[in-house]
Amino acid sequence: MLSLHEKNMLQINFQVDIEASPEQVWAILASKEGMSQWFSRNLIFEFEEGGEFRMEVTMDEGHWIFYGEVRRIIPNEELAFTWTQQEVGGEAWPVSTLVRFQLTKIEGGTRVDLVHS
């Protein structure tokens, strides 16, 4: 879901329920192998607050670099990092955005909320 919130802030929301415990979901989410499946095989992700996030992706539209910093880690609950993109040979976005995964225990598994704002 794409929505416009207060102060005209653009936000992307995605929610999925997974039949696994928060600990099982976290084990995949908070690993380079798991993040590589989600984002890109060419990924650097240092799982500590202040750690580096960086990946390169080639699409039909061009070659992109995405980078940022890990801002928050609460095991089995939350992972957040900044996100800036730059087309190779082009200018970077003028501001960084925030990507946040929140895990919530529900009956039969875990709800994963992804908010990119």
C-alpha atoms as a PDB file:
ATOM      1  CA  MET A   1       0.000   0.000   0.000  1.00  0.00           C
ATOM      2  CA  LEU A   2       1.278   3.468  -0.912  1.00  0.00           C
ATOM      3  CA  SER A   3      -0.057   6.296   1.214  1.00  0.00           C
ATOM      4  CA  LEU A   4       0.397   9.992   1.858  1.00  0.00           C
ATOM      5  CA  HIS A   5       0.612  10.863   5.560  1.00  0.00           C
ATOM      6  CA  GLU A   6       0.830  14.080   7.531  1.00  0.00           C
ATOM      7  CA  LYS A   7       3.261  16.681   6.232  1.00  0.00           C
ATOM      8  CA  ASN A   8       2.894  15.072   2.772  1.00  0.00           C
ATOM      9  CA  MET A   9       5.241  12.250   3.758  1.00  0.00           C
ATOM     10  CA  LEU A  10       5.153   9.436   1.223  1.00  0.00           C
ATOM     11  CA  GLN A  11       5.074   6.004   2.836  1.00  0.00           C
ATOM     12  CA  ILE A  12       4.990   2.445   1.526  1.00  0.00           C
ATOM     13  CA  ASN A  13       3.379  -0.154   3.805  1.00  0.00           C
ATOM     14  CA  PHE A  14       3.508  -3.899   3.324  1.00  0.00           C
ATOM     15  CA  GLN A  15       2.192  -6.490   5.761  1.00  0.00           C
ATOM     16  CA  VAL A  16       2.431 -10.264   5.648  1.00  0.00           C
ATOM     17  CA  ASP A  17       1.578 -13.010   8.143  1.00  0.00           C
ATOM     18  CA  ILE A  18       4.048 -15.887   8.295  1.00  0.00           C
ATOM     19  CA  GLU A  19       3.460 -19.282   9.901  1.00  0.00           C
ATOM     20  CA  ALA A  20       6.655 -19.177  11.962  1.00  0.00           C
ATOM     21  CA  SER A  21       7.680 -17.782  15.327  1.00  0.00           C
ATOM     22  CA  PRO A  22       9.193 -14.282  15.600  1.00  0.00           C
ATOM     23  CA  GLU A  23      12.496 -15.970  16.453  1.00  0.00           C
ATOM     24  CA  GLN A  24      12.400 -18.028  13.234  1.00  0.00           C
ATOM     25  CA  VAL A  25      11.491 -14.991  11.117  1.00  0.00           C
ATOM     26  CA  TRP A  26      14.205 -12.917  12.808  1.00  0.00           C
ATOM     27  CA  ALA A  27      16.809 -15.607  12.099  1.00  0.00           C
ATOM     28  CA  ILE A  28      16.161 -15.111   8.376  1.00  0.00           C
ATOM     29  CA  LEU A  29      15.591 -11.340   8.427  1.00  0.00           C
ATOM     30  CA  ALA A  30      18.668 -10.534  10.506  1.00  0.00           C
ATOM     31  CA  SER A  31      21.095 -12.513   8.391  1.00  0.00           C
ATOM     32  CA  LYS A  32      23.028 -11.618   5.269  1.00  0.00           C
ATOM     33  CA  GLU A  33      21.660 -14.730   3.542  1.00  0.00           C
ATOM     34  CA  GLY A  34      18.065 -13.798   4.352  1.00  0.00           C
ATOM     35  CA  MET A  35      18.477 -10.153   3.369  1.00  0.00           C
ATOM     36  CA  SER A  36      20.194 -11.245   0.148  1.00  0.00           C
ATOM     37  CA  GLN A  37      17.075 -13.254  -0.758  1.00  0.00           C
ATOM     38  CA  TRP A  38      14.887 -10.209  -0.069  1.00  0.00           C
ATOM     39  CA  PHE A  39      17.038  -7.517  -1.703  1.00  0.00           C
ATOM     40  CA  SER A  40      20.093  -8.512  -3.723  1.00  0.00           C
ATOM     41  CA  ARG A  41      22.885 -11.064  -3.865  1.00  0.00           C
ATOM     42  CA  ASN A  42      25.394  -8.187  -3.996  1.00  0.00           C
ATOM     43  CA  LEU A  43      24.730  -6.971  -0.450  1.00  0.00           C
ATOM     44  CA  ILE A  44      26.673  -5.632   2.513  1.00  0.00           C
ATOM     45  CA  PHE A  45      24.609  -5.538   5.716  1.00  0.00           C
ATOM     46  CA  GLU A  46      26.332  -5.119   9.085  1.00  0.00           C
ATOM     47  CA  PHE A  47      23.826  -6.208  11.724  1.00  0.00           C
ATOM     48  CA  GLU A  48      24.656  -3.681  14.445  1.00  0.00           C
ATOM     49  CA  GLU A  49      23.386  -0.177  15.119  1.00  0.00           C
ATOM     50  CA  GLY A  50      25.536   2.179  13.056  1.00  0.00           C
ATOM     51  CA  GLY A  51      26.448  -0.672  10.696  1.00  0.00           C
ATOM     52  CA  GLU A  52      26.623  -0.280   6.930  1.00  0.00           C
ATOM     53  CA  PHE A  53      23.908  -1.216   4.437  1.00  0.00           C
ATOM     54  CA  ARG A  54      24.914  -1.258   0.759  1.00  0.00           C
ATOM     55  CA  MET A  55      23.841  -3.111  -2.365  1.00  0.00           C
ATOM     56  CA  GLU A  56      24.136  -2.806  -6.124  1.00  0.00           C
ATOM     57  CA  VAL A  57      21.338  -3.741  -8.492  1.00  0.00           C
ATOM     58  CA  THR A  58      21.213  -3.815 -12.285  1.00  0.00           C
ATOM     59  CA  MET A  59      17.770  -3.460 -13.858  1.00  0.00           C
ATOM     60  CA  ASP A  60      16.551  -2.684 -17.360  1.00  0.00           C
ATOM     61  CA  GLU A  61      16.396   0.984 -16.323  1.00  0.00           C
ATOM     62  CA  GLY A  62      20.036   1.139 -15.206  1.00  0.00           C
ATOM     63  CA  HIS A  63      22.604   0.267 -12.566  1.00  0.00           C
ATOM     64  CA  TRP A  64      21.832   1.461  -9.027  1.00  0.00           C
ATOM     65  CA  ILE A  65      23.610   1.657  -5.696  1.00  0.00           C
ATOM     66  CA  PHE A  66      21.518   1.678  -2.522  1.00  0.00           C
ATOM     67  CA  TYR A  67      23.180   2.502   0.774  1.00  0.00           C
ATOM     68  CA  GLY A  68      22.473   3.536   4.341  1.00  0.00           C
ATOM     69  CA  GLU A  69      23.067   2.880   8.009  1.00  0.00           C
ATOM     70  CA  VAL A  70      21.468   0.456  10.448  1.00  0.00           C
ATOM     71  CA  ARG A  71      19.517   2.596  12.927  1.00  0.00           C
ATOM     72  CA  ARG A  72      17.737   0.156  15.195  1.00  0.00           C
ATOM     73  CA  ILE A  73      17.973  -3.508  16.087  1.00  0.00           C
ATOM     74  CA  ILE A  74      15.693  -5.128  18.641  1.00  0.00           C
ATOM     75  CA  PRO A  75      16.098  -8.902  18.222  1.00  0.00           C
ATOM     76  CA  ASN A  76      12.880 -10.717  17.297  1.00  0.00           C
ATOM     77  CA  GLU A  77      11.015  -7.366  17.097  1.00  0.00           C
ATOM     78  CA  GLU A  78      12.454  -4.627  14.900  1.00  0.00           C
ATOM     79  CA  LEU A  79      15.094  -3.820  12.284  1.00  0.00           C
ATOM     80  CA  ALA A  80      15.414  -0.312  10.785  1.00  0.00           C
ATOM     81  CA  PHE A  81      17.923   1.255   8.422  1.00  0.00           C
ATOM     82  CA  THR A  82      18.264   4.347   6.266  1.00  0.00           C
ATOM     83  CA  TRP A  83      18.033   4.053   2.489  1.00  0.00           C
ATOM     84  CA  THR A  84      19.550   6.305  -0.157  1.00  0.00           C
ATOM     85  CA  GLN A  85      19.784   5.418  -3.816  1.00  0.00           C
ATOM     86  CA  GLN A  86      22.021   6.613  -6.592  1.00  0.00           C
ATOM     87  CA  GLU A  87      22.141   5.654 -10.227  1.00  0.00           C
ATOM     88  CA  VAL A  88      25.728   4.826 -11.157  1.00  0.00           C
ATOM     89  CA  GLY A  89      27.090   7.973 -12.761  1.00  0.00           C
ATOM     90  CA  GLY A  90      24.154  10.019 -11.437  1.00  0.00           C
ATOM     91  CA  GLU A  91      23.242  12.020  -8.376  1.00  0.00           C
ATOM     92  CA  ALA A  92      22.133  10.447  -5.099  1.00  0.00           C
ATOM     93  CA  TRP A  93      18.661  11.110  -3.719  1.00  0.00           C
ATOM     94  CA  PRO A  94      18.681  14.445  -1.881  1.00  0.00           C
ATOM     95  CA  VAL A  95      17.366  12.796   1.317  1.00  0.00           C
ATOM     96  CA  SER A  96      17.537   9.336   2.789  1.00  0.00           C
ATOM     97  CA  THR A  97      14.450   7.353   3.699  1.00  0.00           C
ATOM     98  CA  LEU A  98      13.866   4.842   6.497  1.00  0.00           C
ATOM     99  CA  VAL A  99      13.072   1.151   6.005  1.00  0.00           C
ATOM    100  CA  ARG A 100      11.581  -0.496   9.085  1.00  0.00           C
ATOM    101  CA  PHE A 101      10.643  -4.146   9.649  1.00  0.00           C
ATOM    102  CA  GLN A 102       8.490  -4.802  12.719  1.00  0.00           C
ATOM    103  CA  LEU A 103       7.685  -8.349  13.892  1.00  0.00           C
ATOM    104  CA  THR A 104       4.587  -9.011  15.990  1.00  0.00           C
ATOM    105  CA  LYS A 105       3.635 -12.376  17.452  1.00  0.00           C
ATOM    106  CA  ILE A 106       0.155 -13.398  16.343  1.00  0.00           C
ATOM    107  CA  GLU A 107      -1.846 -16.573  16.738  1.00  0.00           C
ATOM    108  CA  GLY A 108      -0.193 -19.168  14.516  1.00  0.00           C
ATOM    109  CA  GLY A 109       2.881 -17.143  13.656  1.00  0.00           C
ATOM    110  CA  THR A 110       4.313 -13.688  13.079  1.00  0.00           C
ATOM    111  CA  ARG A 111       3.025 -10.524  11.420  1.00  0.00           C
ATOM    112  CA  VAL A 112       5.760  -8.667   9.524  1.00  0.00           C
ATOM    113  CA  ASP A 113       5.129  -4.991   8.868  1.00  0.00           C
ATOM    114  CA  LEU A 114       7.446  -3.245   6.431  1.00  0.00           C
ATOM    115  CA  VAL A 115       7.260   0.547   6.349  1.00  0.00           C
ATOM    116  CA  HIS A 116       9.421   2.573   3.966  1.00  0.00           C
ATOM    117  CA  SER A 117       9.066   6.297   4.601  1.00  0.00           C
END
